[in-house]
PDB file of N, CA and C in Angstrom:
ATOM      1  N   UNK A   1      66.487-210.175  -8.583  1.00  0.00           N
ATOM      2  CA  UNK A   1      67.845-211.163  -9.298  1.00  0.00           C
ATOM      3  C   UNK A   1      67.052-211.810 -10.182  1.00  0.00           C
ATOM      4  N   UNK A   2      65.799-212.065 -10.532  1.00  0.00           N
ATOM      5  CA  UNK A   2      64.988-212.816 -11.577  1.00  0.00           C
ATOM      6  C   UNK A   2      65.234-212.267 -13.204  1.00  0.00           C
ATOM      7  N   UNK A   3      66.163-210.771 -13.470  1.00  0.00           N
ATOM      8  CA  UNK A   3      66.958-210.692 -14.471  1.00  0.00           C
ATOM      9  C   UNK A   3      68.130-210.446 -14.634  1.00  0.00           C
ATOM     10  N   UNK A   4      68.878-210.673 -13.290  1.00  0.00           N
ATOM     11  CA  UNK A   4      70.124-210.357 -13.427  1.00  0.00           C
ATOM     12  C   UNK A   4      71.017-211.711 -13.779  1.00  0.00           C
ATOM     13  N   UNK A   5      70.690-212.381 -13.382  1.00  0.00           N
ATOM     14  CA  UNK A   5      71.286-213.944 -13.810  1.00  0.00           C
ATOM     15  C   UNK A   5      71.160-214.052 -15.609  1.00  0.00           C
ATOM     16  N   UNK A   6      70.053-213.762 -16.230  1.00  0.00           N
ATOM     17  CA  UNK A   6      69.600-213.985 -17.748  1.00  0.00           C
ATOM     18  C   UNK A   6      70.642-212.818 -18.531  1.00  0.00           C
ATOM     19  N   UNK A   7      70.700-211.554 -17.633  1.00  0.00           N
ATOM     20  CA  UNK A   7      71.298-210.443 -18.483  1.00  0.00           C
ATOM     21  C   UNK A   7      72.827-211.240 -18.417  1.00  0.00           C
ATOM     22  N   UNK A   8      73.141-211.744 -17.471  1.00  0.00           N
ATOM     23  CA  UNK A   8      74.717-211.766 -17.066  1.00  0.00           C
ATOM     24  C   UNK A   8      75.162-212.965 -18.301  1.00  0.00           C
ATOM     25  N   UNK A   9      74.454-213.922 -18.409  1.00  0.00           N
ATOM     26  CA  UNK A   9      74.764-215.226 -18.960  1.00  0.00           C
ATOM     27  C   UNK A   9      74.731-214.509 -20.781  1.00  0.00           C
ATOM     28  N   UNK A  10      73.365-213.846 -20.991  1.00  0.00           N
ATOM     29  CA  UNK A  10      73.587-213.489 -22.122  1.00  0.00           C
ATOM     30  C   UNK A  10      74.192-212.684 -22.820  1.00  0.00           C
ATOM     31  N   UNK A  11      75.202-211.395 -21.817  1.00  0.00           N
ATOM     32  CA  UNK A  11      75.997-210.486 -21.914  1.00  0.00           C
ATOM     33  C   UNK A  11      77.090-211.281 -21.835  1.00  0.00           C
ATOM     34  N   UNK A  12      77.948-212.135 -21.675  1.00  0.00           N
ATOM     35  CA  UNK A  12      79.169-213.141 -21.566  1.00  0.00           C
ATOM     36  C   UNK A  12      79.139-213.930 -22.874  1.00  0.00           C
ATOM     37  N   UNK A  13      77.937-214.467 -23.253  1.00  0.00           N
ATOM     38  CA  UNK A  13      77.995-215.515 -24.053  1.00  0.00           C
ATOM     39  C   UNK A  13      78.131-214.490 -25.606  1.00  0.00           C
ATOM     40  N   UNK A  14      77.112-213.513 -25.434  1.00  0.00           N
ATOM     41  CA  UNK A  14      77.874-212.603 -26.775  1.00  0.00           C
ATOM     42  C   UNK A  14      78.826-212.064 -27.492  1.00  0.00           C
ATOM     43  N   UNK A  15      79.308-211.796 -26.079  1.00  0.00           N
ATOM     44  CA  UNK A  15      80.735-210.656 -26.341  1.00  0.00           C
ATOM     45  C   UNK A  15      82.043-212.086 -26.821  1.00  0.00           C
ATOM     46  N   UNK A  16      81.623-213.169 -25.967  1.00  0.00           N
ATOM     47  CA  UNK A  16      82.640-214.448 -25.543  1.00  0.00           C
ATOM     48  C   UNK A  16      82.343-215.109 -27.549  1.00  0.00           C
ATOM     49  N   UNK A  17      81.274-215.202 -27.630  1.00  0.00           N
ATOM     50  CA  UNK A  17      80.914-215.288 -29.351  1.00  0.00           C
ATOM     51  C   UNK A  17      81.763-214.688 -30.177  1.00  0.00           C
ATOM     52  N   UNK A  18      81.660-213.359 -29.850  1.00  0.00           N
ATOM     53  CA  UNK A  18      82.506-212.140 -31.033  1.00  0.00           C
ATOM     54  C   UNK A  18      83.877-212.579 -31.083  1.00  0.00           C
ATOM     55  N   UNK A  19      84.576-212.552 -29.580  1.00  0.00           N
ATOM     56  CA  UNK A  19      85.617-212.552 -29.197  1.00  0.00           C
ATOM     57  C   UNK A  19      86.258-213.816 -30.474  1.00  0.00           C
ATOM     58  N   UNK A  20      85.050-215.387 -30.162  1.00  0.00           N
ATOM     59  CA  UNK A  20      86.287-216.195 -30.921  1.00  0.00           C
ATOM     60  C   UNK A  20      85.775-216.407 -32.535  1.00  0.00           C
ATOM     61  N   UNK A  21      85.150-215.593 -32.780  1.00  0.00           N
ATOM     62  CA  UNK A  21      84.591-215.576 -34.235  1.00  0.00           C
ATOM     63  C   UNK A  21      85.646-215.072 -35.139  1.00  0.00           C
ATOM     64  N   UNK A  22      87.002-214.701 -34.914  1.00  0.00           N
ATOM     65  CA  UNK A  22      88.211-214.310 -35.752  1.00  0.00           C
ATOM     66  C   UNK A  22      88.421-214.861 -37.070  1.00  0.00           C
ATOM     67  N   UNK A  23      87.769-215.683 -37.653  1.00  0.00           N
ATOM     68  CA  UNK A  23      88.322-216.514 -39.133  1.00  0.00           C
ATOM     69  C   UNK A  23      86.839-215.198 -39.663  1.00  0.00           C
ATOM     70  N   UNK A  24      87.217-215.132 -41.502  1.00  0.00           N
ATOM     71  CA  UNK A  24      86.332-214.248 -41.928  1.00  0.00           C
ATOM     72  C   UNK A  24      84.850-215.146 -42.365  1.00  0.00           C
ATOM     73  N   UNK A  25      85.093-216.771 -42.282  1.00  0.00           N
ATOM     74  CA  UNK A  25      83.688-217.695 -42.529  1.00  0.00           C
ATOM     75  C   UNK A  25      82.477-217.129 -40.816  1.00  0.00           C
ATOM     76  N   UNK A  26      83.388-216.713 -40.235  1.00  0.00           N
ATOM     77  CA  UNK A  26      82.390-216.920 -39.040  1.00  0.00           C
ATOM     78  C   UNK A  26      82.055-215.261 -38.755  1.00  0.00           C
ATOM     79  N   UNK A  27      82.222-214.215 -39.780  1.00  0.00           N
ATOM     80  CA  UNK A  27      81.875-212.825 -39.330  1.00  0.00           C
ATOM     81  C   UNK A  27      80.607-212.925 -40.329  1.00  0.00           C
ATOM     82  N   UNK A  28      79.776-211.720 -40.172  1.00  0.00           N
ATOM     83  CA  UNK A  28      78.752-211.147 -40.973  1.00  0.00           C
ATOM     84  C   UNK A  28      79.394-211.122 -42.410  1.00  0.00           C
ATOM     85  N   UNK A  29      78.874-210.675 -43.842  1.00  0.00           N
ATOM     86  CA  UNK A  29      80.028-210.438 -44.926  1.00  0.00           C
ATOM     87  C   UNK A  29      80.005-209.012 -45.404  1.00  0.00           C
ATOM     88  N   UNK A  30      79.137-208.390 -44.908  1.00  0.00           N
ATOM     89  CA  UNK A  30      78.327-206.419 -45.079  1.00  0.00           C
ATOM     90  C   UNK A  30      79.797-206.321 -43.937  1.00  0.00           C
ATOM     91  N   UNK A  31      80.008-205.125 -43.981  1.00  0.00           N
ATOM     92  CA  UNK A  31      81.063-204.318 -43.594  1.00  0.00           C
ATOM     93  C   UNK A  31      80.333-203.524 -42.324  1.00  0.00           C
ATOM     94  N   UNK A  32      79.301-203.202 -42.412  1.00  0.00           N
ATOM     95  CA  UNK A  32      78.149-202.632 -41.604  1.00  0.00           C
ATOM     96  C   UNK A  32      77.661-203.251 -40.467  1.00  0.00           C
ATOM     97  N   UNK A  33      77.397-204.330 -40.720  1.00  0.00           N
ATOM     98  CA  UNK A  33      77.007-205.484 -40.044  1.00  0.00           C
ATOM     99  C   UNK A  33      78.291-205.859 -38.991  1.00  0.00           C
ATOM    100  N   UNK A  34      78.997-206.535 -39.623  1.00  0.00           N
ATOM    101  CA  UNK A  34      80.170-206.755 -38.687  1.00  0.00           C
ATOM    102  C   UNK A  34      80.825-205.392 -38.016  1.00  0.00           C
ATOM    103  N   UNK A  35      80.599-204.131 -38.315  1.00  0.00           N
ATOM    104  CA  UNK A  35      80.950-203.372 -37.385  1.00  0.00           C
ATOM    105  C   UNK A  35      79.848-202.829 -36.590  1.00  0.00           C
ATOM    106  N   UNK A  36      78.863-203.034 -36.794  1.00  0.00           N
ATOM    107  CA  UNK A  36      77.496-203.030 -35.467  1.00  0.00           C
ATOM    108  C   UNK A  36      77.282-204.295 -34.502  1.00  0.00           C
ATOM    109  N   UNK A  37      77.844-205.442 -35.190  1.00  0.00           N
ATOM    110  CA  UNK A  37      78.323-206.426 -34.032  1.00  0.00           C
ATOM    111  C   UNK A  37      79.243-205.579 -33.330  1.00  0.00           C
ATOM    112  N   UNK A  38      80.288-205.699 -33.669  1.00  0.00           N
ATOM    113  CA  UNK A  38      81.938-205.602 -32.949  1.00  0.00           C
ATOM    114  C   UNK A  38      81.521-204.193 -31.443  1.00  0.00           C
ATOM    115  N   UNK A  39      80.539-203.007 -32.111  1.00  0.00           N
ATOM    116  CA  UNK A  39      80.175-202.103 -31.286  1.00  0.00           C
ATOM    117  C   UNK A  39      79.201-202.558 -30.367  1.00  0.00           C
ATOM    118  N   UNK A  40      78.529-203.697 -30.665  1.00  0.00           N
ATOM    119  CA  UNK A  40      77.425-204.637 -29.810  1.00  0.00           C
ATOM    120  C   UNK A  40      77.696-205.221 -28.802  1.00  0.00           C
ATOM    121  N   UNK A  41      79.140-205.900 -29.225  1.00  0.00           N
ATOM    122  CA  UNK A  41      80.150-206.818 -28.197  1.00  0.00           C
ATOM    123  C   UNK A  41      80.556-206.204 -27.424  1.00  0.00           C
ATOM    124  N   UNK A  42      81.319-204.858 -27.681  1.00  0.00           N
ATOM    125  CA  UNK A  42      81.841-204.415 -27.032  1.00  0.00           C
ATOM    126  C   UNK A  42      80.992-203.504 -25.765  1.00  0.00           C
ATOM    127  N   UNK A  43      79.978-203.190 -25.991  1.00  0.00           N
ATOM    128  CA  UNK A  43      78.850-202.889 -25.381  1.00  0.00           C
ATOM    129  C   UNK A  43      78.485-203.950 -24.264  1.00  0.00           C
ATOM    130  N   UNK A  44      78.183-204.685 -24.904  1.00  0.00           N
ATOM    131  CA  UNK A  44      78.053-205.949 -23.907  1.00  0.00           C
ATOM    132  C   UNK A  44      79.024-206.703 -23.043  1.00  0.00           C
ATOM    133  N   UNK A  45      80.129-206.084 -23.568  1.00  0.00           N
ATOM    134  CA  UNK A  45      81.278-206.512 -22.489  1.00  0.00           C
ATOM    135  C   UNK A  45      81.328-205.444 -21.148  1.00  0.00           C
ATOM    136  N   UNK A  46      81.088-204.541 -21.820  1.00  0.00           N
ATOM    137  CA  UNK A  46      81.702-203.381 -20.505  1.00  0.00           C
ATOM    138  C   UNK A  46      80.126-203.350 -19.696  1.00  0.00           C
ATOM    139  N   UNK A  47      78.927-203.893 -20.584  1.00  0.00           N
ATOM    140  CA  UNK A  47      77.627-203.582 -19.494  1.00  0.00           C
ATOM    141  C   UNK A  47      78.140-204.812 -18.935  1.00  0.00           C
ATOM    142  N   UNK A  48      78.462-206.095 -18.487  1.00  0.00           N
ATOM    143  CA  UNK A  48      78.699-207.062 -18.172  1.00  0.00           C
ATOM    144  C   UNK A  48      79.686-206.760 -17.026  1.00  0.00           C
ATOM    145  N   UNK A  49      80.541-206.204 -17.493  1.00  0.00           N
ATOM    146  CA  UNK A  49      81.742-205.641 -16.080  1.00  0.00           C
ATOM    147  C   UNK A  49      80.644-204.869 -15.415  1.00  0.00           C
ATOM    148  N   UNK A  50      80.329-204.155 -15.680  1.00  0.00           N
ATOM    149  CA  UNK A  50      78.596-202.852 -14.822  1.00  0.00           C
ATOM    150  C   UNK A  50      78.151-203.904 -13.700  1.00  0.00           C
ATOM    151  N   UNK A  51      77.582-204.590 -14.324  1.00  0.00           N
ATOM    152  CA  UNK A  51      76.658-205.097 -13.527  1.00  0.00           C
ATOM    153  C   UNK A  51      77.152-206.231 -12.792  1.00  0.00           C
ATOM    154  N   UNK A  52      78.225-206.956 -13.209  1.00  0.00           N
ATOM    155  CA  UNK A  52      79.357-207.430 -11.631  1.00  0.00           C
ATOM    156  C   UNK A  52      79.319-206.205 -10.422  1.00  0.00           C
ATOM    157  N   UNK A  53      79.681-204.847 -10.865  1.00  0.00           N
ATOM    158  CA  UNK A  53      80.142-203.948 -10.248  1.00  0.00           C
ATOM    159  C   UNK A  53      79.111-203.799  -9.161  1.00  0.00           C
ATOM    160  N   UNK A  54      77.401-203.727 -10.254  1.00  0.00           N
ATOM    161  CA  UNK A  54      76.662-202.987  -9.657  1.00  0.00           C
ATOM    162  C   UNK A  54      76.121-204.156  -8.844  1.00  0.00           C
ATOM    163  N   UNK A  55      76.272-205.373  -8.440  1.00  0.00           N
ATOM    164  CA  UNK A  55      75.892-206.274  -8.167  1.00  0.00           C
ATOM    165  C   UNK A  55      76.403-206.985  -6.808  1.00  0.00           C
ATOM    166  N   UNK A  56      77.672-205.935  -7.357  1.00  0.00           N
ATOM    167  CA  UNK A  56      78.517-206.366  -6.042  1.00  0.00           C
ATOM    168  C   UNK A  56      77.854-205.284  -4.981  1.00  0.00           C
ATOM    169  N   UNK A  57      77.263-203.874  -5.069  1.00  0.00           N
ATOM    170  CA  UNK A  57      77.025-203.436  -3.928  1.00  0.00           C
ATOM    171  C   UNK A  57      75.471-204.089  -3.726  1.00  0.00           C
ATOM    172  N   UNK A  58      74.514-204.461  -4.727  1.00  0.00           N
ATOM    173  CA  UNK A  58      73.277-204.264  -4.449  1.00  0.00           C
ATOM    174  C   UNK A  58      72.889-205.988  -4.003  1.00  0.00           C
ATOM    175  N   UNK A  59      73.740-206.756  -4.582  1.00  0.00           N
ATOM    176  CA  UNK A  59      72.686-208.094  -4.555  1.00  0.00           C
ATOM    177  C   UNK A  59      74.163-208.898  -3.154  1.00  0.00           C
ATOM    178  N   UNK A  60      73.797-209.764  -2.215  1.00  0.00           N
ATOM    179  CA  UNK A  60      74.101-210.458  -1.588  1.00  0.00           C
ATOM    180  C   UNK A  60      75.365-211.414  -2.141  1.00  0.00           C
ATOM    181  N   UNK A  61      76.867-211.432  -2.093  1.00  0.00           N
ATOM    182  CA  UNK A  61      77.626-211.784  -2.536  1.00  0.00           C
ATOM    183  C   UNK A  61      77.846-213.350  -2.631  1.00  0.00           C
ATOM    184  N   UNK A  62      76.835-214.363  -2.298  1.00  0.00           N
ATOM    185  CA  UNK A  62      76.581-215.804  -3.252  1.00  0.00           C
ATOM    186  C   UNK A  62      75.982-215.815  -4.250  1.00  0.00           C
ATOM    187  N   UNK A  63      74.763-214.882  -4.074  1.00  0.00           N
ATOM    188  CA  UNK A  63      73.835-214.614  -5.600  1.00  0.00           C
ATOM    189  C   UNK A  63      75.473-214.225  -6.302  1.00  0.00           C
ATOM    190  N   UNK A  64      75.814-213.333  -6.141  1.00  0.00           N
ATOM    191  CA  UNK A  64      76.638-212.474  -7.512  1.00  0.00           C
ATOM    192  C   UNK A  64      78.131-213.418  -7.692  1.00  0.00           C
ATOM    193  N   UNK A  65      78.561-214.425  -7.067  1.00  0.00           N
ATOM    194  CA  UNK A  65      79.550-215.705  -7.046  1.00  0.00           C
ATOM    195  C   UNK A  65      78.746-216.542  -7.941  1.00  0.00           C
ATOM    196  N   UNK A  66      77.404-216.750  -7.860  1.00  0.00           N
ATOM    197  CA  UNK A  66      76.370-217.856  -8.649  1.00  0.00           C
ATOM    198  C   UNK A  66      76.551-217.420  -9.980  1.00  0.00           C
ATOM    199  N   UNK A  67      76.187-216.369  -9.521  1.00  0.00           N
ATOM    200  CA  UNK A  67      76.224-215.413 -11.422  1.00  0.00           C
ATOM    201  C   UNK A  67      77.245-215.516 -12.147  1.00  0.00           C
ATOM    202  N   UNK A  68      77.757-215.213 -11.866  1.00  0.00           N
ATOM    203  CA  UNK A  68      79.157-214.899 -12.561  1.00  0.00           C
ATOM    204  C   UNK A  68      80.048-216.307 -12.637  1.00  0.00           C
ATOM    205  N   UNK A  69      80.615-217.282 -12.215  1.00  0.00           N
ATOM    206  CA  UNK A  69      80.350-218.801 -12.289  1.00  0.00           C
ATOM    207  C   UNK A  69      79.291-219.346 -13.351  1.00  0.00           C
ATOM    208  N   UNK A  70      78.115-218.813 -13.168  1.00  0.00           N
ATOM    209  CA  UNK A  70      77.441-219.460 -14.005  1.00  0.00           C
ATOM    210  C   UNK A  70      77.475-219.096 -15.699  1.00  0.00           C
ATOM    211  N   UNK A  71      78.166-217.387 -15.954  1.00  0.00           N
ATOM    212  CA  UNK A  71      77.942-216.892 -16.565  1.00  0.00           C
ATOM    213  C   UNK A  71      79.409-217.291 -17.317  1.00  0.00           C
ATOM    214  N   UNK A  72      80.698-217.937 -16.800  1.00  0.00           N
ATOM    215  CA  UNK A  72      81.652-218.005 -17.164  1.00  0.00           C
ATOM    216  C   UNK A  72      81.496-219.583 -17.761  1.00  0.00           C
ATOM    217  N   UNK A  73      80.653-220.481 -16.538  1.00  0.00           N
ATOM    218  CA  UNK A  73      80.463-221.715 -17.440  1.00  0.00           C
ATOM    219  C   UNK A  73      79.696-221.659 -18.726  1.00  0.00           C
ATOM    220  N   UNK A  74      78.625-220.900 -18.885  1.00  0.00           N
ATOM    221  CA  UNK A  74      78.223-220.524 -19.825  1.00  0.00           C
ATOM    222  C   UNK A  74      79.108-220.635 -21.669  1.00  0.00           C
ATOM    223  N   UNK A  75      79.840-219.502 -21.061  1.00  0.00           N
ATOM    224  CA  UNK A  75      81.159-219.489 -22.005  1.00  0.00           C
ATOM    225  C   UNK A  75      82.075-221.020 -22.082  1.00  0.00           C
ATOM    226  N   UNK A  76      82.265-221.196 -21.252  1.00  0.00           N
ATOM    227  CA  UNK A  76      82.833-222.857 -21.351  1.00  0.00           C
ATOM    228  C   UNK A  76      81.770-223.871 -21.806  1.00  0.00           C
ATOM    229  N   UNK A  77      80.530-223.870 -21.876  1.00  0.00           N
ATOM    230  CA  UNK A  77      79.796-224.536 -23.206  1.00  0.00           C
ATOM    231  C   UNK A  77      79.501-224.315 -24.386  1.00  0.00           C
ATOM    232  N   UNK A  78      79.953-222.713 -24.520  1.00  0.00           N
ATOM    233  CA  UNK A  78      79.886-222.382 -26.283  1.00  0.00           C
ATOM    234  C   UNK A  78      81.407-222.542 -26.747  1.00  0.00           C
ATOM    235  N   UNK A  79      82.757-222.783 -25.760  1.00  0.00           N
ATOM    236  CA  UNK A  79      83.528-223.180 -26.300  1.00  0.00           C
ATOM    237  C   UNK A  79      83.457-224.163 -26.645  1.00  0.00           C
ATOM    238  N   UNK A  80      82.832-225.130 -26.106  1.00  0.00           N
ATOM    239  CA  UNK A  80      83.018-226.874 -26.036  1.00  0.00           C
ATOM    240  C   UNK A  80      82.183-227.194 -27.320  1.00  0.00           C
ATOM    241  N   UNK A  81      81.398-226.272 -27.536  1.00  0.00           N
ATOM    242  CA  UNK A  81      80.687-226.793 -29.033  1.00  0.00           C
ATOM    243  C   UNK A  81      81.181-226.309 -29.896  1.00  0.00           C
ATOM    244  N   UNK A  82      82.027-225.767 -30.135  1.00  0.00           N
ATOM    245  CA  UNK A  82      82.536-225.112 -31.607  1.00  0.00           C
ATOM    246  C   UNK A  82      82.069-224.398 -32.142  1.00  0.00           C
ATOM    247  N   UNK A  83      83.537-223.609 -33.473  1.00  0.00           N
ATOM    248  CA  UNK A  83      82.444-222.314 -33.624  1.00  0.00           C
ATOM    249  C   UNK A  83      81.238-223.237 -34.936  1.00  0.00           C
ATOM    250  N   UNK A  84      80.362-222.236 -34.615  1.00  0.00           N
ATOM    251  CA  UNK A  84      79.196-222.407 -35.991  1.00  0.00           C
ATOM    252  C   UNK A  84      79.092-221.521 -36.837  1.00  0.00           C
ATOM    253  N   UNK A  85      78.363-221.810 -38.025  1.00  0.00           N
ATOM    254  CA  UNK A  85      77.976-220.788 -38.948  1.00  0.00           C
ATOM    255  C   UNK A  85      76.639-219.391 -38.252  1.00  0.00           C
ATOM    256  N   UNK A  86      75.554-219.795 -37.710  1.00  0.00           N
ATOM    257  CA  UNK A  86      74.997-219.314 -36.942  1.00  0.00           C
ATOM    258  C   UNK A  86      74.955-218.335 -36.078  1.00  0.00           C
ATOM    259  N   UNK A  87      76.382-218.549 -35.287  1.00  0.00           N
ATOM    260  CA  UNK A  87      77.551-217.672 -34.511  1.00  0.00           C
ATOM    261  C   UNK A  87      76.989-216.073 -34.244  1.00  0.00           C
ATOM    262  N   UNK A  88      77.458-215.650 -35.298  1.00  0.00           N
ATOM    263  CA  UNK A  88      77.172-214.280 -35.134  1.00  0.00           C
ATOM    264  C   UNK A  88      75.912-213.174 -35.258  1.00  0.00           C
ATOM    265  N   UNK A  89      74.906-214.085 -35.930  1.00  0.00           N
ATOM    266  CA  UNK A  89      73.332-213.942 -35.842  1.00  0.00           C
ATOM    267  C   UNK A  89      73.013-213.937 -34.324  1.00  0.00           C
ATOM    268  N   UNK A  90      73.369-215.016 -33.493  1.00  0.00           N
ATOM    269  CA  UNK A  90      72.982-215.738 -32.548  1.00  0.00           C
ATOM    270  C   UNK A  90      73.510-214.655 -31.104  1.00  0.00           C
ATOM    271  N   UNK A  91      75.273-214.566 -31.729  1.00  0.00           N
ATOM    272  CA  UNK A  91      75.757-213.156 -30.857  1.00  0.00           C
ATOM    273  C   UNK A  91      75.154-212.093 -31.150  1.00  0.00           C
ATOM    274  N   UNK A  92      74.325-211.693 -31.796  1.00  0.00           N
ATOM    275  CA  UNK A  92      73.751-210.444 -31.998  1.00  0.00           C
ATOM    276  C   UNK A  92      72.620-210.151 -31.151  1.00  0.00           C
ATOM    277  N   UNK A  93      71.977-211.547 -31.158  1.00  0.00           N
ATOM    278  CA  UNK A  93      70.295-211.237 -30.567  1.00  0.00           C
ATOM    279  C   UNK A  93      70.965-211.546 -28.510  1.00  0.00           C
ATOM    280  N   UNK A  94      71.358-212.127 -28.255  1.00  0.00           N
ATOM    281  CA  UNK A  94      72.526-212.501 -27.062  1.00  0.00           C
ATOM    282  C   UNK A  94      72.125-211.348 -26.408  1.00  0.00           C
ATOM    283  N   UNK A  95      73.367-210.430 -27.428  1.00  0.00           N
ATOM    284  CA  UNK A  95      73.774-208.835 -26.946  1.00  0.00           C
ATOM    285  C   UNK A  95      72.674-207.978 -27.311  1.00  0.00           C
ATOM    286  N   UNK A  96      71.548-208.641 -27.688  1.00  0.00           N
ATOM    287  CA  UNK A  96      70.669-206.836 -27.943  1.00  0.00           C
ATOM    288  C   UNK A  96      69.890-207.554 -26.447  1.00  0.00           C
ATOM    289  N   UNK A  97      69.654-208.933 -26.356  1.00  0.00           N
ATOM    290  CA  UNK A  97      68.429-209.415 -24.836  1.00  0.00           C
ATOM    291  C   UNK A  97      69.002-208.874 -24.036  1.00  0.00           C
ATOM    292  N   UNK A  98      70.374-209.191 -23.426  1.00  0.00           N
ATOM    293  CA  UNK A  98      71.501-208.821 -22.827  1.00  0.00           C
ATOM    294  C   UNK A  98      71.614-207.375 -22.168  1.00  0.00           C
ATOM    295  N   UNK A  99      71.716-206.361 -23.213  1.00  0.00           N
ATOM    296  CA  UNK A  99      71.929-205.526 -22.647  1.00  0.00           C
ATOM    297  C   UNK A  99      70.141-204.879 -22.376  1.00  0.00           C
ATOM    298  N   UNK A 100      69.423-205.315 -23.410  1.00  0.00           N
ATOM    299  CA  UNK A 100      67.863-205.122 -22.528  1.00  0.00           C
ATOM    300  C   UNK A 100      67.632-205.354 -20.702  1.00  0.00           C
ATOM    301  N   UNK A 101      68.145-206.485 -20.842  1.00  0.00           N
ATOM    302  CA  UNK A 101      67.872-207.291 -19.585  1.00  0.00           C
ATOM    303  C   UNK A 101      68.614-206.243 -18.373  1.00  0.00           C
ATOM    304  N   UNK A 102      69.913-206.198 -19.078  1.00  0.00           N
ATOM    305  CA  UNK A 102      70.866-205.548 -17.447  1.00  0.00           C
ATOM    306  C   UNK A 102      70.102-204.080 -17.296  1.00  0.00           C
ATOM    307  N   UNK A 103      69.936-202.974 -18.708  1.00  0.00           N
ATOM    308  CA  UNK A 103      69.747-201.910 -18.699  1.00  0.00           C
ATOM    309  C   UNK A 103      68.253-201.863 -17.342  1.00  0.00           C
ATOM    310  N   UNK A 104      67.142-202.858 -18.112  1.00  0.00           N
ATOM    311  CA  UNK A 104      66.000-203.471 -17.082  1.00  0.00           C
ATOM    312  C   UNK A 104      66.437-203.233 -16.179  1.00  0.00           C
ATOM    313  N   UNK A 105      67.284-204.528 -15.077  1.00  0.00           N
ATOM    314  CA  UNK A 105      67.825-204.926 -13.888  1.00  0.00           C
ATOM    315  C   UNK A 105      68.335-203.464 -12.981  1.00  0.00           C
ATOM    316  N   UNK A 106      69.500-203.001 -13.579  1.00  0.00           N
ATOM    317  CA  UNK A 106      69.683-201.456 -13.235  1.00  0.00           C
ATOM    318  C   UNK A 106      68.439-200.493 -12.762  1.00  0.00           C
ATOM    319  N   UNK A 107      67.532-200.330 -14.062  1.00  0.00           N
ATOM    320  CA  UNK A 107      66.773-199.103 -13.802  1.00  0.00           C
ATOM    321  C   UNK A 107      65.631-199.413 -12.710  1.00  0.00           C
ATOM    322  N   UNK A 108      65.363-200.540 -12.426  1.00  0.00           N
ATOM    323  CA  UNK A 108      64.044-200.751 -12.260  1.00  0.00           C
ATOM    324  C   UNK A 108      64.387-201.642 -10.374  1.00  0.00           C
TER     325      UNK A 108
END
């Protein structure tokens, strides 16, 4: 559980930021970077769902519920802060760290 919770929070936060950054000012200037960000955010979202299913089979339900609620609460916190110009980079870093922690959680 020590890497499961941070992985869920980072994955949901990274995917959430991408979904909220729909204006051109909040997107990377490079088309390649924008495409990479889009693919990374989709991977993060699907891995978030996969980790929830994995947790359903391998973790106690209270731990899974707490992790799910905290990942959604992090999204609410991000929404309350409002869009920032640093969001694309922050989202990419969160997605990469979340994917790394998620894969580590499942494999170890």
